[in-house]
Amino acid sequence: SRVDLKQERLKAAFVKELTPMAKACAWTSGRWPYIQMQWNAIEQTHRS
C-alpha cells in the first residue's frame, strides 16, 4: 500500500521498507516485541 508495484527497481523498494525493522525481528533468538513471545514459541497454529 506504500510502494509503487509497477516500478522497475521493485526489489530495492522492498529492501528499503524492510531494512529498518531487521534488528528487531526475533527469527532465530530472543523475544518478539509487542507480543512478548520467545522466538521458538511461534508454532504452525492460527493463533501463532
ModelCIF file with pLDDT and N, C-alpha, C, O atoms, coordinates in Angstrom:
data_MODEL
#
_entry.id   MODEL 
#
_entity.id                         1 
_entity.type                       polymer 
_entity.pdbx_number_of_molecules   1 
#
_entity_poly.entity_id                      1 
_entity_poly.type                           'polypeptide(L)' 
_entity_poly.nstd_linkage                   no 
_entity_poly.nstd_monomer                   no 
_entity_poly.pdbx_seq_one_letter_code       SRVDLKQERLKAAFVKELTPMAKACAWTSGRWPYIQMQWNAIEQTHRS 
_entity_poly.pdbx_seq_one_letter_code_can   SRVDLKQERLKAAFVKELTPMAKACAWTSGRWPYIQMQWNAIEQTHRS 
_entity_poly.pdbx_strand_id                 A 
#
loop_
_entity_poly_seq.entity_id 
_entity_poly_seq.num 
_entity_poly_seq.mon_id 
_entity_poly_seq.hetero 
1 1  SER n 
1 2  ARG n 
1 3  VAL n 
1 4  ASP n 
1 5  LEU n 
1 6  LYS n 
1 7  GLN n 
1 8  GLU n 
1 9  ARG n 
1 10 LEU n 
1 11 LYS n 
1 12 ALA n 
1 13 ALA n 
1 14 PHE n 
1 15 VAL n 
1 16 LYS n 
1 17 GLU n 
1 18 LEU n 
1 19 THR n 
1 20 PRO n 
1 21 MET n 
1 22 ALA n 
1 23 LYS n 
1 24 ALA n 
1 25 CYS n 
1 26 ALA n 
1 27 TRP n 
1 28 THR n 
1 29 SER n 
1 30 GLY n 
1 31 ARG n 
1 32 TRP n 
1 33 PRO n 
1 34 TYR n 
1 35 ILE n 
1 36 GLN n 
1 37 MET n 
1 38 GLN n 
1 39 TRP n 
1 40 ASN n 
1 41 ALA n 
1 42 ILE n 
1 43 GLU n 
1 44 GLN n 
1 45 THR n 
1 46 HIS n 
1 47 ARG n 
1 48 SER n 
#
_struct_asym.id          A 
_struct_asym.entity_id   1 
#
loop_
_ma_qa_metric.id 
_ma_qa_metric.mode 
_ma_qa_metric.name 
_ma_qa_metric.software_group_id 
_ma_qa_metric.type 
1 global pLDDT . pLDDT 
2 local  pLDDT . pLDDT 
#
_ma_qa_metric_global.metric_id      1 
_ma_qa_metric_global.metric_value   94.73 
_ma_qa_metric_global.model_id       1 
_ma_qa_metric_global.ordinal_id     1 
#
loop_
_ma_qa_metric_local.label_asym_id 
_ma_qa_metric_local.label_comp_id 
_ma_qa_metric_local.label_seq_id 
_ma_qa_metric_local.metric_id 
_ma_qa_metric_local.metric_value 
_ma_qa_metric_local.model_id 
_ma_qa_metric_local.ordinal_id 
A SER 1  2 92.00 1 1  
A ARG 2  2 91.00 1 2  
A VAL 3  2 93.00 1 3  
A ASP 4  2 95.00 1 4  
A LEU 5  2 94.00 1 5  
A LYS 6  2 93.00 1 6  
A GLN 7  2 93.00 1 7  
A GLU 8  2 92.00 1 8  
A ARG 9  2 95.00 1 9  
A LEU 10 2 97.00 1 10 
A LYS 11 2 97.00 1 11 
A ALA 12 2 97.00 1 12 
A ALA 13 2 97.00 1 13 
A PHE 14 2 97.00 1 14 
A VAL 15 2 97.00 1 15 
A LYS 16 2 96.00 1 16 
A GLU 17 2 96.00 1 17 
A LEU 18 2 96.00 1 18 
A THR 19 2 96.00 1 19 
A PRO 20 2 95.00 1 20 
A MET 21 2 94.00 1 21 
A ALA 22 2 94.00 1 22 
A LYS 23 2 93.00 1 23 
A ALA 24 2 94.00 1 24 
A CYS 25 2 96.00 1 25 
A ALA 26 2 96.00 1 26 
A TRP 27 2 97.00 1 27 
A THR 28 2 97.00 1 28 
A SER 29 2 96.00 1 29 
A GLY 30 2 95.00 1 30 
A ARG 31 2 95.00 1 31 
A TRP 32 2 96.00 1 32 
A PRO 33 2 93.00 1 33 
A TYR 34 2 94.00 1 34 
A ILE 35 2 94.00 1 35 
A GLN 36 2 89.00 1 36 
A MET 37 2 95.00 1 37 
A GLN 38 2 96.00 1 38 
A TRP 39 2 96.00 1 39 
A ASN 40 2 95.00 1 40 
A ALA 41 2 96.00 1 41 
A ILE 42 2 95.00 1 42 
A GLU 43 2 94.00 1 43 
A GLN 44 2 90.00 1 44 
A THR 45 2 94.00 1 45 
A HIS 46 2 94.00 1 46 
A ARG 47 2 95.00 1 47 
A SER 48 2 95.00 1 48 
#
loop_
_atom_site.group_PDB 
_atom_site.id 
_atom_site.type_symbol 
_atom_site.label_atom_id 
_atom_site.label_alt_id 
_atom_site.label_comp_id 
_atom_site.label_asym_id 
_atom_site.label_entity_id 
_atom_site.label_seq_id 
_atom_site.pdbx_PDB_ins_code 
_atom_site.Cartn_x 
_atom_site.Cartn_y 
_atom_site.Cartn_z 
_atom_site.occupancy 
_atom_site.B_iso_or_equiv 
_atom_site.pdbx_formal_charge 
_atom_site.auth_seq_id 
_atom_site.auth_comp_id 
_atom_site.auth_asym_id 
_atom_site.auth_atom_id 
_atom_site.pdbx_PDB_model_num 
ATOM 1   N N  . SER A 1 1  ? 0.820  -1.215  0.000   1.00 92.00 ? 1  SER A N  1 
ATOM 2   C CA . SER A 1 1  ? 0.000  0.000   0.000   1.00 92.00 ? 1  SER A CA 1 
ATOM 3   C C  . SER A 1 1  ? 0.854  1.265   0.000   1.00 92.00 ? 1  SER A C  1 
ATOM 4   O O  . SER A 1 1  ? 0.341  2.359   -0.232  1.00 92.00 ? 1  SER A O  1 
ATOM 5   N N  . ARG A 1 2  ? 2.161  1.121   0.261   1.00 91.00 ? 2  ARG A N  1 
ATOM 6   C CA . ARG A 1 2  ? 3.068  2.280   0.320   1.00 91.00 ? 2  ARG A CA 1 
ATOM 7   C C  . ARG A 1 2  ? 4.089  2.301   -0.813  1.00 91.00 ? 2  ARG A C  1 
ATOM 8   O O  . ARG A 1 2  ? 4.860  3.251   -0.950  1.00 91.00 ? 2  ARG A O  1 
ATOM 9   N N  . VAL A 1 3  ? 4.085  1.243   -1.625  1.00 93.00 ? 3  VAL A N  1 
ATOM 10  C CA . VAL A 1 3  ? 5.118  1.105   -2.663  1.00 93.00 ? 3  VAL A CA 1 
ATOM 11  C C  . VAL A 1 3  ? 4.464  1.038   -4.038  1.00 93.00 ? 3  VAL A C  1 
ATOM 12  O O  . VAL A 1 3  ? 3.401  0.438   -4.195  1.00 93.00 ? 3  VAL A O  1 
ATOM 13  N N  . ASP A 1 4  ? 5.098  1.651   -5.030  1.00 95.00 ? 4  ASP A N  1 
ATOM 14  C CA . ASP A 1 4  ? 4.641  1.548   -6.415  1.00 95.00 ? 4  ASP A CA 1 
ATOM 15  C C  . ASP A 1 4  ? 5.049  0.178   -6.956  1.00 95.00 ? 4  ASP A C  1 
ATOM 16  O O  . ASP A 1 4  ? 6.228  -0.061  -7.218  1.00 95.00 ? 4  ASP A O  1 
ATOM 17  N N  . LEU A 1 5  ? 4.083  -0.714  -7.122  1.00 94.00 ? 5  LEU A N  1 
ATOM 18  C CA . LEU A 1 5  ? 4.383  -2.089  -7.526  1.00 94.00 ? 5  LEU A CA 1 
ATOM 19  C C  . LEU A 1 5  ? 4.767  -2.219  -8.995  1.00 94.00 ? 5  LEU A C  1 
ATOM 20  O O  . LEU A 1 5  ? 5.183  -3.292  -9.432  1.00 94.00 ? 5  LEU A O  1 
ATOM 21  N N  . LYS A 1 6  ? 4.631  -1.141  -9.758  1.00 93.00 ? 6  LYS A N  1 
ATOM 22  C CA . LYS A 1 6  ? 4.966  -1.197  -11.187 1.00 93.00 ? 6  LYS A CA 1 
ATOM 23  C C  . LYS A 1 6  ? 6.369  -0.684  -11.491 1.00 93.00 ? 6  LYS A C  1 
ATOM 24  O O  . LYS A 1 6  ? 6.804  -0.728  -12.641 1.00 93.00 ? 6  LYS A O  1 
ATOM 25  N N  . GLN A 1 7  ? 7.085  -0.199  -10.474 1.00 93.00 ? 7  GLN A N  1 
ATOM 26  C CA . GLN A 1 7  ? 8.419  0.373   -10.715 1.00 93.00 ? 7  GLN A CA 1 
ATOM 27  C C  . GLN A 1 7  ? 9.437  -0.703  -11.088 1.00 93.00 ? 7  GLN A C  1 
ATOM 28  O O  . GLN A 1 7  ? 9.286  -1.869  -10.725 1.00 93.00 ? 7  GLN A O  1 
ATOM 29  N N  . GLU A 1 8  ? 10.453 -0.302  -11.804 1.00 92.00 ? 8  GLU A N  1 
ATOM 30  C CA . GLU A 1 8  ? 11.475 -1.245  -12.270 1.00 92.00 ? 8  GLU A CA 1 
ATOM 31  C C  . GLU A 1 8  ? 12.305 -1.790  -11.118 1.00 92.00 ? 8  GLU A C  1 
ATOM 32  O O  . GLU A 1 8  ? 12.621 -2.979  -11.087 1.00 92.00 ? 8  GLU A O  1 
ATOM 33  N N  . ARG A 1 9  ? 12.659 -0.926  -10.169 1.00 95.00 ? 9  ARG A N  1 
ATOM 34  C CA . ARG A 1 9  ? 13.519 -1.334  -9.058  1.00 95.00 ? 9  ARG A CA 1 
ATOM 35  C C  . ARG A 1 9  ? 12.663 -1.726  -7.848  1.00 95.00 ? 9  ARG A C  1 
ATOM 36  O O  . ARG A 1 9  ? 12.807 -1.172  -6.759  1.00 95.00 ? 9  ARG A O  1 
ATOM 37  N N  . LEU A 1 10 ? 11.791 -2.675  -8.066  1.00 97.00 ? 10 LEU A N  1 
ATOM 38  C CA . LEU A 1 10 ? 10.832 -3.054  -7.036  1.00 97.00 ? 10 LEU A CA 1 
ATOM 39  C C  . LEU A 1 10 ? 11.520 -3.734  -5.858  1.00 97.00 ? 10 LEU A C  1 
ATOM 40  O O  . LEU A 1 10 ? 11.167 -3.470  -4.709  1.00 97.00 ? 10 LEU A O  1 
ATOM 41  N N  . LYS A 1 11 ? 12.490 -4.599  -6.117  1.00 97.00 ? 11 LYS A N  1 
ATOM 42  C CA . LYS A 1 11 ? 13.170 -5.276  -5.017  1.00 97.00 ? 11 LYS A CA 1 
ATOM 43  C C  . LYS A 1 11 ? 13.859 -4.266  -4.105  1.00 97.00 ? 11 LYS A C  1 
ATOM 44  O O  . LYS A 1 11 ? 13.800 -4.382  -2.881  1.00 97.00 ? 11 LYS A O  1 
ATOM 45  N N  . ALA A 1 12 ? 14.512 -3.279  -4.709  1.00 97.00 ? 12 ALA A N  1 
ATOM 46  C CA . ALA A 1 12 ? 15.203 -2.251  -3.913  1.00 97.00 ? 12 ALA A CA 1 
ATOM 47  C C  . ALA A 1 12 ? 14.210 -1.485  -3.038  1.00 97.00 ? 12 ALA A C  1 
ATOM 48  O O  . ALA A 1 12 ? 14.526 -1.110  -1.909  1.00 97.00 ? 12 ALA A O  1 
ATOM 49  N N  . ALA A 1 13 ? 13.021 -1.259  -3.565  1.00 97.00 ? 13 ALA A N  1 
ATOM 50  C CA . ALA A 1 13 ? 11.991 -0.557  -2.780  1.00 97.00 ? 13 ALA A CA 1 
ATOM 51  C C  . ALA A 1 13 ? 11.561 -1.404  -1.583  1.00 97.00 ? 13 ALA A C  1 
ATOM 52  O O  . ALA A 1 13 ? 11.356 -0.879  -0.489  1.00 97.00 ? 13 ALA A O  1 
ATOM 53  N N  . PHE A 1 14 ? 11.424 -2.713  -1.792  1.00 97.00 ? 14 PHE A N  1 
ATOM 54  C CA . PHE A 1 14 ? 11.055 -3.599  -0.686  1.00 97.00 ? 14 PHE A CA 1 
ATOM 55  C C  . PHE A 1 14 ? 12.178 -3.665  0.360   1.00 97.00 ? 14 PHE A C  1 
ATOM 56  O O  . PHE A 1 14 ? 11.914 -3.662  1.562   1.00 97.00 ? 14 PHE A O  1 
ATOM 57  N N  . VAL A 1 15 ? 13.430 -3.724  -0.110  1.00 97.00 ? 15 VAL A N  1 
ATOM 58  C CA . VAL A 1 15 ? 14.572 -3.750  0.809   1.00 97.00 ? 15 VAL A CA 1 
ATOM 59  C C  . VAL A 1 15 ? 14.567 -2.505  1.691   1.00 97.00 ? 15 VAL A C  1 
ATOM 60  O O  . VAL A 1 15 ? 14.801 -2.588  2.896   1.00 97.00 ? 15 VAL A O  1 
ATOM 61  N N  . LYS A 1 16 ? 14.299 -1.357  1.085   1.00 96.00 ? 16 LYS A N  1 
ATOM 62  C CA . LYS A 1 16 ? 14.264 -0.090  1.825   1.00 96.00 ? 16 LYS A CA 1 
ATOM 63  C C  . LYS A 1 16 ? 13.193 -0.117  2.912   1.00 96.00 ? 16 LYS A C  1 
ATOM 64  O O  . LYS A 1 16 ? 13.403 0.412   4.004   1.00 96.00 ? 16 LYS A O  1 
ATOM 65  N N  . GLU A 1 17 ? 12.034 -0.737  2.615   1.00 96.00 ? 17 GLU A N  1 
ATOM 66  C CA . GLU A 1 17 ? 10.950 -0.799  3.587   1.00 96.00 ? 17 GLU A CA 1 
ATOM 67  C C  . GLU A 1 17 ? 11.244 -1.787  4.723   1.00 96.00 ? 17 GLU A C  1 
ATOM 68  O O  . GLU A 1 17 ? 10.846 -1.552  5.864   1.00 96.00 ? 17 GLU A O  1 
ATOM 69  N N  . LEU A 1 18 ? 11.934 -2.879  4.419   1.00 96.00 ? 18 LEU A N  1 
ATOM 70  C CA . LEU A 1 18 ? 12.156 -3.939  5.402   1.00 96.00 ? 18 LEU A CA 1 
ATOM 71  C C  . LEU A 1 18 ? 13.381 -3.705  6.297   1.00 96.00 ? 18 LEU A C  1 
ATOM 72  O O  . LEU A 1 18 ? 13.388 -4.116  7.458   1.00 96.00 ? 18 LEU A O  1 
ATOM 73  N N  . THR A 1 19 ? 14.403 -3.054  5.765   1.00 96.00 ? 19 THR A N  1 
ATOM 74  C CA . THR A 1 19 ? 15.681 -2.934  6.481   1.00 96.00 ? 19 THR A CA 1 
ATOM 75  C C  . THR A 1 19 ? 15.568 -2.306  7.868   1.00 96.00 ? 19 THR A C  1 
ATOM 76  O O  . THR A 1 19 ? 16.197 -2.814  8.796   1.00 96.00 ? 19 THR A O  1 
ATOM 77  N N  . PRO A 1 20 ? 14.803 -1.234  8.064   1.00 95.00 ? 20 PRO A N  1 
ATOM 78  C CA . PRO A 1 20 ? 14.765 -0.615  9.404   1.00 95.00 ? 20 PRO A CA 1 
ATOM 79  C C  . PRO A 1 20 ? 14.232 -1.531  10.511  1.00 95.00 ? 20 PRO A C  1 
ATOM 80  O O  . PRO A 1 20 ? 14.508 -1.293  11.686  1.00 95.00 ? 20 PRO A O  1 
ATOM 81  N N  . MET A 1 21 ? 13.490 -2.549  10.163  1.00 94.00 ? 21 MET A N  1 
ATOM 82  C CA . MET A 1 21 ? 12.914 -3.427  11.183  1.00 94.00 ? 21 MET A CA 1 
ATOM 83  C C  . MET A 1 21 ? 13.731 -4.702  11.385  1.00 94.00 ? 21 MET A C  1 
ATOM 84  O O  . MET A 1 21 ? 13.364 -5.540  12.209  1.00 94.00 ? 21 MET A O  1 
ATOM 85  N N  . ALA A 1 22 ? 14.840 -4.865  10.644  1.00 94.00 ? 22 ALA A N  1 
ATOM 86  C CA . ALA A 1 22 ? 15.594 -6.118  10.638  1.00 94.00 ? 22 ALA A CA 1 
ATOM 87  C C  . ALA A 1 22 ? 16.119 -6.503  12.016  1.00 94.00 ? 22 ALA A C  1 
ATOM 88  O O  . ALA A 1 22 ? 15.986 -7.656  12.426  1.00 94.00 ? 22 ALA A O  1 
ATOM 89  N N  . LYS A 1 23 ? 16.715 -5.550  12.737  1.00 93.00 ? 23 LYS A N  1 
ATOM 90  C CA . LYS A 1 23 ? 17.353 -5.880  14.020  1.00 93.00 ? 23 LYS A CA 1 
ATOM 91  C C  . LYS A 1 23 ? 16.350 -6.239  15.109  1.00 93.00 ? 23 LYS A C  1 
ATOM 92  O O  . LYS A 1 23 ? 16.703 -6.909  16.080  1.00 93.00 ? 23 LYS A O  1 
ATOM 93  N N  . ALA A 1 24 ? 15.110 -5.803  14.956  1.00 94.00 ? 24 ALA A N  1 
ATOM 94  C CA . ALA A 1 24 ? 14.108 -6.056  15.991  1.00 94.00 ? 24 ALA A CA 1 
ATOM 95  C C  . ALA A 1 24 ? 13.403 -7.396  15.814  1.00 94.00 ? 24 ALA A C  1 
ATOM 96  O O  . ALA A 1 24 ? 12.686 -7.837  16.713  1.00 94.00 ? 24 ALA A O  1 
ATOM 97  N N  . CYS A 1 25 ? 13.594 -8.045  14.677  1.00 96.00 ? 25 CYS A N  1 
ATOM 98  C CA . CYS A 1 25 ? 12.909 -9.316  14.406  1.00 96.00 ? 25 CYS A CA 1 
ATOM 99  C C  . CYS A 1 25 ? 13.621 -10.471 15.109  1.00 96.00 ? 25 CYS A C  1 
ATOM 100 O O  . CYS A 1 25 ? 14.843 -10.595 15.029  1.00 96.00 ? 25 CYS A O  1 
ATOM 101 N N  . ALA A 1 26 ? 12.865 -11.297 15.783  1.00 96.00 ? 26 ALA A N  1 
ATOM 102 C CA . ALA A 1 26 ? 13.434 -12.412 16.560  1.00 96.00 ? 26 ALA A CA 1 
ATOM 103 C C  . ALA A 1 26 ? 13.249 -13.727 15.823  1.00 96.00 ? 26 ALA A C  1 
ATOM 104 O O  . ALA A 1 26 ? 12.597 -14.645 16.321  1.00 96.00 ? 26 ALA A O  1 
ATOM 105 N N  . TRP A 1 27 ? 13.828 -13.809 14.635  1.00 97.00 ? 27 TRP A N  1 
ATOM 106 C CA . TRP A 1 27 ? 13.655 -15.022 13.833  1.00 97.00 ? 27 TRP A CA 1 
ATOM 107 C C  . TRP A 1 27 ? 14.406 -16.219 14.415  1.00 97.00 ? 27 TRP A C  1 
ATOM 108 O O  . TRP A 1 27 ? 13.919 -17.348 14.350  1.00 97.00 ? 27 TRP A O  1 
ATOM 109 N N  . THR A 1 28 ? 15.595 -15.978 14.986  1.00 97.00 ? 28 THR A N  1 
ATOM 110 C CA . THR A 1 28 ? 16.444 -17.091 15.427  1.00 97.00 ? 28 THR A CA 1 
ATOM 111 C C  . THR A 1 28 ? 16.780 -17.063 16.911  1.00 97.00 ? 28 THR A C  1 
ATOM 112 O O  . THR A 1 28 ? 17.330 -18.034 17.430  1.00 97.00 ? 28 THR A O  1 
ATOM 113 N N  . SER A 1 29 ? 16.465 -15.976 17.605  1.00 96.00 ? 29 SER A N  1 
ATOM 114 C CA . SER A 1 29 ? 16.740 -15.876 19.044  1.00 96.00 ? 29 SER A CA 1 
ATOM 115 C C  . SER A 1 29 ? 15.966 -14.699 19.622  1.00 96.00 ? 29 SER A C  1 
ATOM 116 O O  . SER A 1 29 ? 15.459 -13.854 18.884  1.00 96.00 ? 29 SER A O  1 
ATOM 117 N N  . GLY A 1 30 ? 15.880 -14.652 20.958  1.00 95.00 ? 30 GLY A N  1 
ATOM 118 C CA . GLY A 1 30 ? 15.249 -13.521 21.617  1.00 95.00 ? 30 GLY A CA 1 
ATOM 119 C C  . GLY A 1 30 ? 13.731 -13.601 21.645  1.00 95.00 ? 30 GLY A C  1 
ATOM 120 O O  . GLY A 1 30 ? 13.128 -14.641 21.379  1.00 95.00 ? 30 GLY A O  1 
ATOM 121 N N  . ARG A 1 31 ? 13.134 -12.451 21.981  1.00 95.00 ? 31 ARG A N  1 
ATOM 122 C CA . ARG A 1 31 ? 11.683 -12.355 22.086  1.00 95.00 ? 31 ARG A CA 1 
ATOM 123 C C  . ARG A 1 31 ? 11.157 -11.326 21.099  1.00 95.00 ? 31 ARG A C  1 
ATOM 124 O O  . ARG A 1 31 ? 11.818 -10.339 20.777  1.00 95.00 ? 31 ARG A O  1 
ATOM 125 N N  . TRP A 1 32 ? 9.939  -11.593 20.628  1.00 96.00 ? 32 TRP A N  1 
ATOM 126 C CA . TRP A 1 32 ? 9.302  -10.670 19.691  1.00 96.00 ? 32 TRP A CA 1 
ATOM 127 C C  . TRP A 1 32 ? 8.707  -9.478  20.447  1.00 96.00 ? 32 TRP A C  1 
ATOM 128 O O  . TRP A 1 32 ? 8.013  -9.655  21.448  1.00 96.00 ? 32 TRP A O  1 
ATOM 129 N N  . PRO A 1 33 ? 8.984  -8.262  19.959  1.00 93.00 ? 33 PRO A N  1 
ATOM 130 C CA . PRO A 1 33 ? 8.356  -7.095  20.590  1.00 93.00 ? 33 PRO A CA 1 
ATOM 131 C C  . PRO A 1 33 ? 6.852  -7.093  20.340  1.00 93.00 ? 33 PRO A C  1 
ATOM 132 O O  . PRO A 1 33 ? 6.365  -7.729  19.406  1.00 93.00 ? 33 PRO A O  1 
ATOM 133 N N  . TYR A 1 34 ? 6.136  -6.381  21.174  1.00 94.00 ? 34 TYR A N  1 
ATOM 134 C CA . TYR A 1 34 ? 4.678  -6.214  21.093  1.00 94.00 ? 34 TYR A CA 1 
ATOM 135 C C  . TYR A 1 34 ? 3.901  -7.443  21.580  1.00 94.00 ? 34 TYR A C  1 
ATOM 136 O O  . TYR A 1 34 ? 2.872  -7.302  22.240  1.00 94.00 ? 34 TYR A O  1 
ATOM 137 N N  . ILE A 1 35 ? 4.388  -8.641  21.256  1.00 94.00 ? 35 ILE A N  1 
ATOM 138 C CA . ILE A 1 35 ? 3.648  -9.836  21.680  1.00 94.00 ? 35 ILE A CA 1 
ATOM 139 C C  . ILE A 1 35 ? 4.381  -10.613 22.774  1.00 94.00 ? 35 ILE A C  1 
ATOM 140 O O  . ILE A 1 35 ? 3.802  -11.502 23.399  1.00 94.00 ? 35 ILE A O  1 
ATOM 141 N N  . GLN A 1 36 ? 5.656  -10.277 23.008  1.00 89.00 ? 36 GLN A N  1 
ATOM 142 C CA . GLN A 1 36 ? 6.457  -10.889 24.068  1.00 89.00 ? 36 GLN A CA 1 
ATOM 143 C C  . GLN A 1 36 ? 6.467  -12.409 24.008  1.00 89.00 ? 36 GLN A C  1 
ATOM 144 O O  . GLN A 1 36 ? 6.312  -13.089 25.023  1.00 89.00 ? 36 GLN A O  1 
ATOM 145 N N  . MET A 1 37 ? 6.653  -12.928 22.801  1.00 95.00 ? 37 MET A N  1 
ATOM 146 C CA . MET A 1 37 ? 6.771  -14.378 22.630  1.00 95.00 ? 37 MET A CA 1 
ATOM 147 C C  . MET A 1 37 ? 8.202  -14.739 22.283  1.00 95.00 ? 37 MET A C  1 
ATOM 148 O O  . MET A 1 37 ? 8.841  -14.076 21.467  1.00 95.00 ? 37 MET A O  1 
ATOM 149 N N  . GLN A 1 38 ? 8.707  -15.808 22.917  1.00 96.00 ? 38 GLN A N  1 
ATOM 150 C CA . GLN A 1 38 ? 10.033 -16.300 22.600  1.00 96.00 ? 38 GLN A CA 1 
ATOM 151 C C  . GLN A 1 38 ? 10.062 -16.734 21.129  1.00 96.00 ? 38 GLN A C  1 
ATOM 152 O O  . GLN A 1 38 ? 9.055  -17.221 20.616  1.00 96.00 ? 38 GLN A O  1 
ATOM 153 N N  . TRP A 1 39 ? 11.180 -16.569 20.457  1.00 96.00 ? 39 TRP A N  1 
ATOM 154 C CA . TRP A 1 39 ? 11.255 -16.839 19.014  1.00 96.00 ? 39 TRP A CA 1 
ATOM 155 C C  . TRP A 1 39 ? 10.775 -18.248 18.665  1.00 96.00 ? 39 TRP A C  1 
ATOM 156 O O  . TRP A 1 39 ? 10.059 -18.437 17.682  1.00 96.00 ? 39 TRP A O  1 
ATOM 157 N N  . ASN A 1 40 ? 11.177 -19.250 19.485  1.00 95.00 ? 40 ASN A N  1 
ATOM 158 C CA . ASN A 1 40 ? 10.818 -20.636 19.168  1.00 95.00 ? 40 ASN A CA 1 
ATOM 159 C C  . ASN A 1 40 ? 9.470  -21.051 19.740  1.00 95.00 ? 40 ASN A C  1 
ATOM 160 O O  . ASN A 1 40 ? 9.103  -22.224 19.674  1.00 95.00 ? 40 ASN A O  1 
ATOM 161 N N  . ALA A 1 41 ? 8.719  -20.081 20.310  1.00 96.00 ? 41 ALA A N  1 
ATOM 162 C CA . ALA A 1 41 ? 7.354  -20.370 20.767  1.00 96.00 ? 41 ALA A CA 1 
ATOM 163 C C  . ALA A 1 41 ? 6.354  -20.220 19.626  1.00 96.00 ? 41 ALA A C  1 
ATOM 164 O O  . ALA A 1 41 ? 5.195  -20.618 19.748  1.00 96.00 ? 41 ALA A O  1 
ATOM 165 N N  . ILE A 1 42 ? 6.809  -19.647 18.519  1.00 95.00 ? 42 ILE A N  1 
ATOM 166 C CA . ILE A 1 42 ? 5.946  -19.497 17.336  1.00 95.00 ? 42 ILE A CA 1 
ATOM 167 C C  . ILE A 1 42 ? 5.725  -20.871 16.717  1.00 95.00 ? 42 ILE A C  1 
ATOM 168 O O  . ILE A 1 42 ? 6.682  -21.570 16.386  1.00 95.00 ? 42 ILE A O  1 
ATOM 169 N N  . GLU A 1 43 ? 4.459  -21.257 16.561  1.00 94.00 ? 43 GLU A N  1 
ATOM 170 C CA . GLU A 1 43 ? 4.130  -22.567 16.008  1.00 94.00 ? 43 GLU A CA 1 
ATOM 171 C C  . GLU A 1 43 ? 3.200  -22.415 14.810  1.00 94.00 ? 43 GLU A C  1 
ATOM 172 O O  . GLU A 1 43 ? 2.736  -21.319 14.494  1.00 94.00 ? 43 GLU A O  1 
ATOM 173 N N  . GLN A 1 44 ? 2.939  -23.545 14.151  1.00 90.00 ? 44 GLN A N  1 
ATOM 174 C CA . GLN A 1 44 ? 2.045  -23.536 12.991  1.00 90.00 ? 44 GLN A CA 1 
ATOM 175 C C  . GLN A 1 44 ? 0.605  -23.648 13.450  1.00 90.00 ? 44 GLN A C  1 
ATOM 176 O O  . GLN A 1 44 ? -0.075 -24.635 13.169  1.00 90.00 ? 44 GLN A O  1 
ATOM 177 N N  . THR A 1 45 ? 0.148  -22.632 14.156  1.00 94.00 ? 45 THR A N  1 
ATOM 178 C CA . THR A 1 45 ? -1.241 -22.565 14.599  1.00 94.00 ? 45 THR A CA 1 
ATOM 179 C C  . THR A 1 45 ? -1.807 -21.216 14.182  1.00 94.00 ? 45 THR A C  1 
ATOM 180 O O  . THR A 1 45 ? -1.063 -20.268 13.933  1.00 94.00 ? 45 THR A O  1 
ATOM 181 N N  . HIS A 1 46 ? -3.125 -21.142 14.111  1.00 94.00 ? 46 HIS A N  1 
ATOM 182 C CA . HIS A 1 46 ? -3.756 -19.880 13.725  1.00 94.00 ? 46 HIS A CA 1 
ATOM 183 C C  . HIS A 1 46 ? -3.374 -18.770 14.706  1.00 94.00 ? 46 HIS A C  1 
ATOM 184 O O  . HIS A 1 46 ? -3.103 -17.642 14.296  1.00 94.00 ? 46 HIS A O  1 
ATOM 185 N N  . ARG A 1 47 ? -3.352 -19.090 15.987  1.00 95.00 ? 47 ARG A N  1 
ATOM 186 C CA . ARG A 1 47 ? -3.026 -18.078 16.998  1.00 95.00 ? 47 ARG A CA 1 
ATOM 187 C C  . ARG A 1 47 ? -1.597 -17.572 16.828  1.00 95.00 ? 47 ARG A C  1 
ATOM 188 O O  . ARG A 1 47 ? -1.361 -16.364 16.858  1.00 95.00 ? 47 ARG A O  1 
ATOM 189 N N  . SER A 1 48 ? -0.634 -18.494 16.648  1.00 95.00 ? 48 SER A N  1 
ATOM 190 C CA . SER A 1 48 ? 0.767  -18.085 16.492  1.00 95.00 ? 48 SER A CA 1 
ATOM 191 C C  . SER A 1 48 ? 0.965  -17.219 15.252  1.00 95.00 ? 48 SER A C  1 
ATOM 192 O O  . SER A 1 48 ? 2.084  -16.789 14.972  1.00 95.00 ? 48 SER A O  1 
#
